[in-house]
Amino acid sequence: MENPDDLVGMIDECIKLLDENVDILNDIDYSLESQKEDVMITDLTKNDLVNMAHEVSDSSRIKRAESDFVRRLIEKKSD
């Protein structure tokens, strides 16, 4: 069986690696999900475009908040 300190070190390295790449992973996930929703809409009004811009902005903030929450949760568990 491995030394417990080695296991703790490996877990810490994994947490660091995930923390460094969480934004990239979220972007990939978001891209994959948004590709499923790609539909051409032709008769949009200015209000529709403004509403869509707000939705994208809100979605980005939510994704960032989720990412930050998960990072803090992982950091808390590693302490």
PDB file of N, CA and C in Angstrom:
ATOM      1  N   MET A   1       0.846  -1.186   0.000  1.00  0.00           N
ATOM      2  CA  MET A   1       0.000   0.000   0.000  1.00  0.00           C
ATOM      3  C   MET A   1       0.884   1.240   0.000  1.00  0.00           C
ATOM      4  N   GLU A   2       0.433   2.258  -0.684  1.00  0.00           N
ATOM      5  CA  GLU A   2       1.210   3.485  -0.778  1.00  0.00           C
ATOM      6  C   GLU A   2       1.183   4.252   0.533  1.00  0.00           C
ATOM      7  N   ASN A   3       2.163   5.104   0.679  1.00  0.00           N
ATOM      8  CA  ASN A   3       2.257   5.986   1.827  1.00  0.00           C
ATOM      9  C   ASN A   3       1.072   6.969   1.786  1.00  0.00           C
ATOM     10  N   PRO A   4       0.376   7.187   2.903  1.00  0.00           N
ATOM     11  CA  PRO A   4      -0.763   8.126   2.916  1.00  0.00           C
ATOM     12  C   PRO A   4      -0.372   9.534   2.466  1.00  0.00           C
ATOM     13  N   ASP A   5       0.863   9.936   2.764  1.00  0.00           N
ATOM     14  CA  ASP A   5       1.313  11.262   2.336  1.00  0.00           C
ATOM     15  C   ASP A   5       1.391  11.345   0.818  1.00  0.00           C
ATOM     16  N   ASP A   6       1.771  10.217   0.170  1.00  0.00           N
ATOM     17  CA  ASP A   6       1.812  10.190  -1.294  1.00  0.00           C
ATOM     18  C   ASP A   6       0.405  10.348  -1.857  1.00  0.00           C
ATOM     19  N   LEU A   7      -0.560   9.687  -1.240  1.00  0.00           N
ATOM     20  CA  LEU A   7      -1.946   9.777  -1.690  1.00  0.00           C
ATOM     21  C   LEU A   7      -2.471  11.203  -1.531  1.00  0.00           C
ATOM     22  N   VAL A   8      -2.185  11.828  -0.411  1.00  0.00           N
ATOM     23  CA  VAL A   8      -2.610  13.210  -0.175  1.00  0.00           C
ATOM     24  C   VAL A   8      -1.970  14.124  -1.220  1.00  0.00           C
ATOM     25  N   GLY A   9      -0.699  13.908  -1.514  1.00  0.00           N
ATOM     26  CA  GLY A   9      -0.013  14.715  -2.522  1.00  0.00           C
ATOM     27  C   GLY A   9      -0.639  14.548  -3.895  1.00  0.00           C
ATOM     28  N   MET A  10      -0.994  13.299  -4.242  1.00  0.00           N
ATOM     29  CA  MET A  10      -1.628  13.047  -5.536  1.00  0.00           C
ATOM     30  C   MET A  10      -2.991  13.716  -5.610  1.00  0.00           C
ATOM     31  N   ILE A  11      -3.744  13.668  -4.530  1.00  0.00           N
ATOM     32  CA  ILE A  11      -5.062  14.309  -4.500  1.00  0.00           C
ATOM     33  C   ILE A  11      -4.905  15.818  -4.635  1.00  0.00           C
ATOM     34  N   ASP A  12      -3.938  16.387  -3.931  1.00  0.00           N
ATOM     35  CA  ASP A  12      -3.689  17.832  -4.039  1.00  0.00           C
ATOM     36  C   ASP A  12      -3.333  18.226  -5.461  1.00  0.00           C
ATOM     37  N   GLU A  13      -2.517  17.421  -6.142  1.00  0.00           N
ATOM     38  CA  GLU A  13      -2.149  17.703  -7.527  1.00  0.00           C
ATOM     39  C   GLU A  13      -3.370  17.633  -8.436  1.00  0.00           C
ATOM     40  N   CYS A  14      -4.234  16.653  -8.207  1.00  0.00           N
ATOM     41  CA  CYS A  14      -5.456  16.526  -9.011  1.00  0.00           C
ATOM     42  C   CYS A  14      -6.364  17.735  -8.800  1.00  0.00           C
ATOM     43  N   ILE A  15      -6.501  18.178  -7.571  1.00  0.00           N
ATOM     44  CA  ILE A  15      -7.335  19.343  -7.270  1.00  0.00           C
ATOM     45  C   ILE A  15      -6.773  20.580  -7.955  1.00  0.00           C
ATOM     46  N   LYS A  16      -5.455  20.761  -7.905  1.00  0.00           N
ATOM     47  CA  LYS A  16      -4.824  21.895  -8.580  1.00  0.00           C
ATOM     48  C   LYS A  16      -5.077  21.846 -10.079  1.00  0.00           C
ATOM     49  N   LEU A  17      -4.916  20.670 -10.655  1.00  0.00           N
ATOM     50  CA  LEU A  17      -5.121  20.501 -12.096  1.00  0.00           C
ATOM     51  C   LEU A  17      -6.559  20.826 -12.484  1.00  0.00           C
ATOM     52  N   LEU A  18      -7.511  20.335 -11.713  1.00  0.00           N
ATOM     53  CA  LEU A  18      -8.917  20.645 -11.981  1.00  0.00           C
ATOM     54  C   LEU A  18      -9.205  22.131 -11.820  1.00  0.00           C
ATOM     55  N   ASP A  19      -8.642  22.726 -10.781  1.00  0.00           N
ATOM     56  CA  ASP A  19      -8.852  24.146 -10.527  1.00  0.00           C
ATOM     57  C   ASP A  19      -8.311  24.992 -11.674  1.00  0.00           C
ATOM     58  N   GLU A  20      -7.149  24.625 -12.197  1.00  0.00           N
ATOM     59  CA  GLU A  20      -6.532  25.367 -13.289  1.00  0.00           C
ATOM     60  C   GLU A  20      -7.326  25.232 -14.582  1.00  0.00           C
ATOM     61  N   ASN A  21      -8.054  24.139 -14.739  1.00  0.00           N
ATOM     62  CA  ASN A  21      -8.735  23.865 -16.001  1.00  0.00           C
ATOM     63  C   ASN A  21     -10.249  23.926 -15.933  1.00  0.00           C
ATOM     64  N   VAL A  22     -10.806  24.347 -14.807  1.00  0.00           N
ATOM     65  CA  VAL A  22     -12.266  24.343 -14.659  1.00  0.00           C
ATOM     66  C   VAL A  22     -12.925  25.283 -15.674  1.00  0.00           C
ATOM     67  N   ASP A  23     -12.324  26.423 -15.955  1.00  0.00           N
ATOM     68  CA  ASP A  23     -12.915  27.346 -16.928  1.00  0.00           C
ATOM     69  C   ASP A  23     -12.935  26.735 -18.323  1.00  0.00           C
ATOM     70  N   ILE A  24     -11.854  26.060 -18.680  1.00  0.00           N
ATOM     71  CA  ILE A  24     -11.787  25.411 -19.993  1.00  0.00           C
ATOM     72  C   ILE A  24     -12.835  24.313 -20.086  1.00  0.00           C
ATOM     73  N   LEU A  25     -12.957  23.519 -19.029  1.00  0.00           N
ATOM     74  CA  LEU A  25     -13.960  22.454 -19.025  1.00  0.00           C
ATOM     75  C   LEU A  25     -15.376  23.021 -19.103  1.00  0.00           C
ATOM     76  N   ASN A  26     -15.630  24.117 -18.406  1.00  0.00           N
ATOM     77  CA  ASN A  26     -16.952  24.751 -18.474  1.00  0.00           C
ATOM     78  C   ASN A  26     -17.228  25.282 -19.873  1.00  0.00           C
ATOM     79  N   ASP A  27     -16.201  25.873 -20.507  1.00  0.00           N
ATOM     80  CA  ASP A  27     -16.371  26.382 -21.869  1.00  0.00           C
ATOM     81  C   ASP A  27     -16.685  25.252 -22.841  1.00  0.00           C
ATOM     82  N   ILE A  28     -15.998  24.130 -22.692  1.00  0.00           N
ATOM     83  CA  ILE A  28     -16.255  22.980 -23.561  1.00  0.00           C
ATOM     84  C   ILE A  28     -17.678  22.476 -23.353  1.00  0.00           C
ATOM     85  N   ASP A  29     -18.066  22.347 -22.096  1.00  0.00           N
ATOM     86  CA  ASP A  29     -19.423  21.895 -21.783  1.00  0.00           C
ATOM     87  C   ASP A  29     -20.459  22.850 -22.358  1.00  0.00           C
ATOM     88  N   TYR A  30     -20.233  24.133 -22.181  1.00  0.00           N
ATOM     89  CA  TYR A  30     -21.164  25.142 -22.697  1.00  0.00           C
ATOM     90  C   TYR A  30     -21.245  25.074 -24.219  1.00  0.00           C
ATOM     91  N   SER A  31     -20.110  24.908 -24.877  1.00  0.00           N
ATOM     92  CA  SER A  31     -20.086  24.820 -26.343  1.00  0.00           C
ATOM     93  C   SER A  31     -20.869  23.605 -26.828  1.00  0.00           C
ATOM     94  N   LEU A  32     -20.666  22.484 -26.171  1.00  0.00           N
ATOM     95  CA  LEU A  32     -21.379  21.282 -26.568  1.00  0.00           C
ATOM     96  C   LEU A  32     -22.887  21.433 -26.375  1.00  0.00           C
ATOM     97  N   GLU A  33     -23.274  22.028 -25.263  1.00  0.00           N
ATOM     98  CA  GLU A  33     -24.698  22.235 -25.001  1.00  0.00           C
ATOM     99  C   GLU A  33     -25.302  23.247 -25.967  1.00  0.00           C
ATOM    100  N   SER A  34     -24.556  24.313 -26.267  1.00  0.00           N
ATOM    101  CA  SER A  34     -25.114  25.349 -27.136  1.00  0.00           C
ATOM    102  C   SER A  34     -25.214  24.871 -28.579  1.00  0.00           C
ATOM    103  N   GLN A  35     -24.355  23.935 -28.992  1.00  0.00           N
ATOM    104  CA  GLN A  35     -24.452  23.397 -30.349  1.00  0.00           C
ATOM    105  C   GLN A  35     -25.762  22.651 -30.540  1.00  0.00           C
ATOM    106  N   LYS A  36     -26.250  22.031 -29.478  1.00  0.00           N
ATOM    107  CA  LYS A  36     -27.523  21.321 -29.550  1.00  0.00           C
ATOM    108  C   LYS A  36     -28.680  22.288 -29.790  1.00  0.00           C
ATOM    109  N   GLU A  37     -28.502  23.534 -29.378  1.00  0.00           N
ATOM    110  CA  GLU A  37     -29.573  24.517 -29.457  1.00  0.00           C
ATOM    111  C   GLU A  37     -29.463  25.416 -30.684  1.00  0.00           C
ATOM    112  N   ASP A  38     -28.483  25.178 -31.557  1.00  0.00           N
ATOM    113  CA  ASP A  38     -28.280  26.024 -32.730  1.00  0.00           C
ATOM    114  C   ASP A  38     -29.412  25.836 -33.727  1.00  0.00           C
ATOM    115  N   VAL A  39     -30.255  26.845 -33.799  1.00  0.00           N
ATOM    116  CA  VAL A  39     -31.381  26.840 -34.726  1.00  0.00           C
ATOM    117  C   VAL A  39     -31.413  28.220 -35.375  1.00  0.00           C
ATOM    118  N   MET A  40     -31.615  28.263 -36.667  1.00  0.00           N
ATOM    119  CA  MET A  40     -31.645  29.534 -37.381  1.00  0.00           C
ATOM    120  C   MET A  40     -33.007  30.197 -37.219  1.00  0.00           C
ATOM    121  N   ILE A  41     -33.005  31.419 -36.677  1.00  0.00           N
ATOM    122  CA  ILE A  41     -34.230  32.198 -36.536  1.00  0.00           C
ATOM    123  C   ILE A  41     -34.049  33.458 -37.383  1.00  0.00           C
ATOM    124  N   THR A  42     -34.980  33.720 -38.254  1.00  0.00           N
ATOM    125  CA  THR A  42     -34.779  34.799 -39.222  1.00  0.00           C
ATOM    126  C   THR A  42     -35.516  36.090 -38.916  1.00  0.00           C
ATOM    127  N   ASP A  43     -36.611  36.055 -38.219  1.00  0.00           N
ATOM    128  CA  ASP A  43     -37.414  37.269 -38.035  1.00  0.00           C
ATOM    129  C   ASP A  43     -37.297  37.845 -36.622  1.00  0.00           C
ATOM    130  N   LEU A  44     -36.077  38.150 -36.209  1.00  0.00           N
ATOM    131  CA  LEU A  44     -35.852  38.695 -34.873  1.00  0.00           C
ATOM    132  C   LEU A  44     -36.011  40.209 -34.877  1.00  0.00           C
ATOM    133  N   THR A  45     -36.573  40.726 -33.805  1.00  0.00           N
ATOM    134  CA  THR A  45     -36.675  42.172 -33.627  1.00  0.00           C
ATOM    135  C   THR A  45     -35.511  42.642 -32.762  1.00  0.00           C
ATOM    136  N   LYS A  46     -35.370  43.955 -32.642  1.00  0.00           N
ATOM    137  CA  LYS A  46     -34.321  44.500 -31.768  1.00  0.00           C
ATOM    138  C   LYS A  46     -34.536  44.035 -30.329  1.00  0.00           C
ATOM    139  N   ASN A  47     -35.772  43.994 -29.900  1.00  0.00           N
ATOM    140  CA  ASN A  47     -36.074  43.541 -28.533  1.00  0.00           C
ATOM    141  C   ASN A  47     -35.657  42.084 -28.330  1.00  0.00           C
ATOM    142  N   ASP A  48     -35.889  41.256 -29.341  1.00  0.00           N
ATOM    143  CA  ASP A  48     -35.463  39.855 -29.259  1.00  0.00           C
ATOM    144  C   ASP A  48     -33.955  39.767 -29.085  1.00  0.00           C
ATOM    145  N   LEU A  49     -33.224  40.571 -29.855  1.00  0.00           N
ATOM    146  CA  LEU A  49     -31.762  40.555 -29.774  1.00  0.00           C
ATOM    147  C   LEU A  49     -31.268  41.038 -28.416  1.00  0.00           C
ATOM    148  N   VAL A  50     -31.903  42.080 -27.895  1.00  0.00           N
ATOM    149  CA  VAL A  50     -31.521  42.586 -26.570  1.00  0.00           C
ATOM    150  C   VAL A  50     -31.796  41.526 -25.511  1.00  0.00           C
ATOM    151  N   ASN A  51     -32.954  40.896 -25.591  1.00  0.00           N
ATOM    152  CA  ASN A  51     -33.287  39.835 -24.634  1.00  0.00           C
ATOM    153  C   ASN A  51     -32.295  38.683 -24.713  1.00  0.00           C
ATOM    154  N   MET A  52     -31.911  38.311 -25.924  1.00  0.00           N
ATOM    155  CA  MET A  52     -30.930  37.236 -26.103  1.00  0.00           C
ATOM    156  C   MET A  52     -29.583  37.624 -25.495  1.00  0.00           C
ATOM    157  N   ALA A  53     -29.182  38.877 -25.694  1.00  0.00           N
ATOM    158  CA  ALA A  53     -27.910  39.344 -25.127  1.00  0.00           C
ATOM    159  C   ALA A  53     -27.945  39.267 -23.601  1.00  0.00           C
ATOM    160  N   HIS A  54     -29.073  39.643 -23.011  1.00  0.00           N
ATOM    161  CA  HIS A  54     -29.202  39.553 -21.550  1.00  0.00           C
ATOM    162  C   HIS A  54     -29.145  38.095 -21.082  1.00  0.00           C
ATOM    163  N   GLU A  55     -29.786  37.203 -21.825  1.00  0.00           N
ATOM    164  CA  GLU A  55     -29.773  35.785 -21.460  1.00  0.00           C
ATOM    165  C   GLU A  55     -28.358  35.205 -21.526  1.00  0.00           C
ATOM    166  N   VAL A  56     -27.609  35.581 -22.562  1.00  0.00           N
ATOM    167  CA  VAL A  56     -26.226  35.106 -22.682  1.00  0.00           C
ATOM    168  C   VAL A  56     -25.393  35.635 -21.518  1.00  0.00           C
ATOM    169  N   SER A  57     -25.577  36.894 -21.197  1.00  0.00           N
ATOM    170  CA  SER A  57     -24.841  37.494 -20.083  1.00  0.00           C
ATOM    171  C   SER A  57     -25.176  36.796 -18.768  1.00  0.00           C
ATOM    172  N   ASP A  58     -26.473  36.564 -18.535  1.00  0.00           N
ATOM    173  CA  ASP A  58     -26.899  35.877 -17.310  1.00  0.00           C
ATOM    174  C   ASP A  58     -26.338  34.459 -17.256  1.00  0.00           C
ATOM    175  N   SER A  59     -26.387  33.777 -18.383  1.00  0.00           N
ATOM    176  CA  SER A  59     -25.873  32.408 -18.449  1.00  0.00           C
ATOM    177  C   SER A  59     -24.383  32.365 -18.128  1.00  0.00           C
ATOM    178  N   SER A  60     -23.637  33.331 -18.661  1.00  0.00           N
ATOM    179  CA  SER A  60     -22.194  33.387 -18.391  1.00  0.00           C
ATOM    180  C   SER A  60     -21.926  33.619 -16.911  1.00  0.00           C
ATOM    181  N   ARG A  61     -22.702  34.518 -16.313  1.00  0.00           N
ATOM    182  CA  ARG A  61     -22.525  34.781 -14.880  1.00  0.00           C
ATOM    183  C   ARG A  61     -22.860  33.554 -14.041  1.00  0.00           C
ATOM    184  N   ILE A  62     -23.910  32.848 -14.431  1.00  0.00           N
ATOM    185  CA  ILE A  62     -24.295  31.636 -13.701  1.00  0.00           C
ATOM    186  C   ILE A  62     -23.210  30.580 -13.822  1.00  0.00           C
ATOM    187  N   LYS A  63     -22.685  30.374 -15.031  1.00  0.00           N
ATOM    188  CA  LYS A  63     -21.613  29.387 -15.225  1.00  0.00           C
ATOM    189  C   LYS A  63     -20.397  29.746 -14.381  1.00  0.00           C
ATOM    190  N   ARG A  64     -20.044  31.020 -14.355  1.00  0.00           N
ATOM    191  CA  ARG A  64     -18.888  31.465 -13.574  1.00  0.00           C
ATOM    192  C   ARG A  64     -19.143  31.239 -12.076  1.00  0.00           C
ATOM    193  N   ALA A  65     -20.351  31.556 -11.628  1.00  0.00           N
ATOM    194  CA  ALA A  65     -20.696  31.351 -10.215  1.00  0.00           C
ATOM    195  C   ALA A  65     -20.636  29.872  -9.860  1.00  0.00           C
ATOM    196  N   GLU A  66     -21.123  29.005 -10.748  1.00  0.00           N
ATOM    197  CA  GLU A  66     -21.051  27.563 -10.511  1.00  0.00           C
ATOM    198  C   GLU A  66     -19.594  27.118 -10.413  1.00  0.00           C
ATOM    199  N   SER A  67     -18.789  27.608 -11.318  1.00  0.00           N
ATOM    200  CA  SER A  67     -17.368  27.250 -11.329  1.00  0.00           C
ATOM    201  C   SER A  67     -16.680  27.694 -10.046  1.00  0.00           C
ATOM    202  N   ASP A  68     -16.944  28.932  -9.629  1.00  0.00           N
ATOM    203  CA  ASP A  68     -16.345  29.435  -8.397  1.00  0.00           C
ATOM    204  C   ASP A  68     -16.815  28.643  -7.179  1.00  0.00           C
ATOM    205  N   PHE A  69     -18.091  28.287  -7.162  1.00  0.00           N
ATOM    206  CA  PHE A  69     -18.634  27.509  -6.051  1.00  0.00           C
ATOM    207  C   PHE A  69     -17.952  26.145  -5.955  1.00  0.00           C
ATOM    208  N   VAL A  70     -17.820  25.469  -7.087  1.00  0.00           N
ATOM    209  CA  VAL A  70     -17.185  24.150  -7.094  1.00  0.00           C
ATOM    210  C   VAL A  70     -15.725  24.265  -6.656  1.00  0.00           C
ATOM    211  N   ARG A  71     -15.041  25.293  -7.136  1.00  0.00           N
ATOM    212  CA  ARG A  71     -13.637  25.493  -6.753  1.00  0.00           C
ATOM    213  C   ARG A  71     -13.516  25.696  -5.246  1.00  0.00           C
ATOM    214  N   ARG A  72     -14.388  26.546  -4.675  1.00  0.00           N
ATOM    215  CA  ARG A  72     -14.343  26.774  -3.222  1.00  0.00           C
ATOM    216  C   ARG A  72     -14.677  25.506  -2.454  1.00  0.00           C
ATOM    217  N   LEU A  73     -15.641  24.746  -2.950  1.00  0.00           N
ATOM    218  CA  LEU A  73     -16.023  23.492  -2.300  1.00  0.00           C
ATOM    219  C   LEU A  73     -14.857  22.515  -2.287  1.00  0.00           C
ATOM    220  N   ILE A  74     -14.161  22.415  -3.404  1.00  0.00           N
ATOM    221  CA  ILE A  74     -13.005  21.508  -3.498  1.00  0.00           C
ATOM    222  C   ILE A  74     -11.896  21.980  -2.585  1.00  0.00           C
ATOM    223  N   GLU A  75     -11.648  23.286  -2.562  1.00  0.00           N
ATOM    224  CA  GLU A  75     -10.613  23.828  -1.681  1.00  0.00           C
ATOM    225  C   GLU A  75     -10.961  23.570  -0.219  1.00  0.00           C
ATOM    226  N   LYS A  76     -12.239  23.725   0.127  1.00  0.00           N
ATOM    227  CA  LYS A  76     -12.669  23.511   1.510  1.00  0.00           C
ATOM    228  C   LYS A  76     -12.473  22.045   1.914  1.00  0.00           C
ATOM    229  N   LYS A  77     -12.788  21.134   1.007  1.00  0.00           N
ATOM    230  CA  LYS A  77     -12.629  19.710   1.303  1.00  0.00           C
ATOM    231  C   LYS A  77     -11.166  19.306   1.388  1.00  0.00           C
ATOM    232  N   SER A  78     -10.284  20.021   0.660  1.00  0.00           N
ATOM    233  CA  SER A  78      -8.862  19.657   0.686  1.00  0.00           C
ATOM    234  C   SER A  78      -8.159  20.174   1.927  1.00  0.00           C
ATOM    235  N   ASP A  79      -8.794  21.119   2.653  1.00  0.00           N
ATOM    236  CA  ASP A  79      -8.178  21.659   3.878  1.00  0.00           C
ATOM    237  C   ASP A  79      -8.291  20.752   5.017  1.00  0.00           C
TER     238      ASP A  79
END
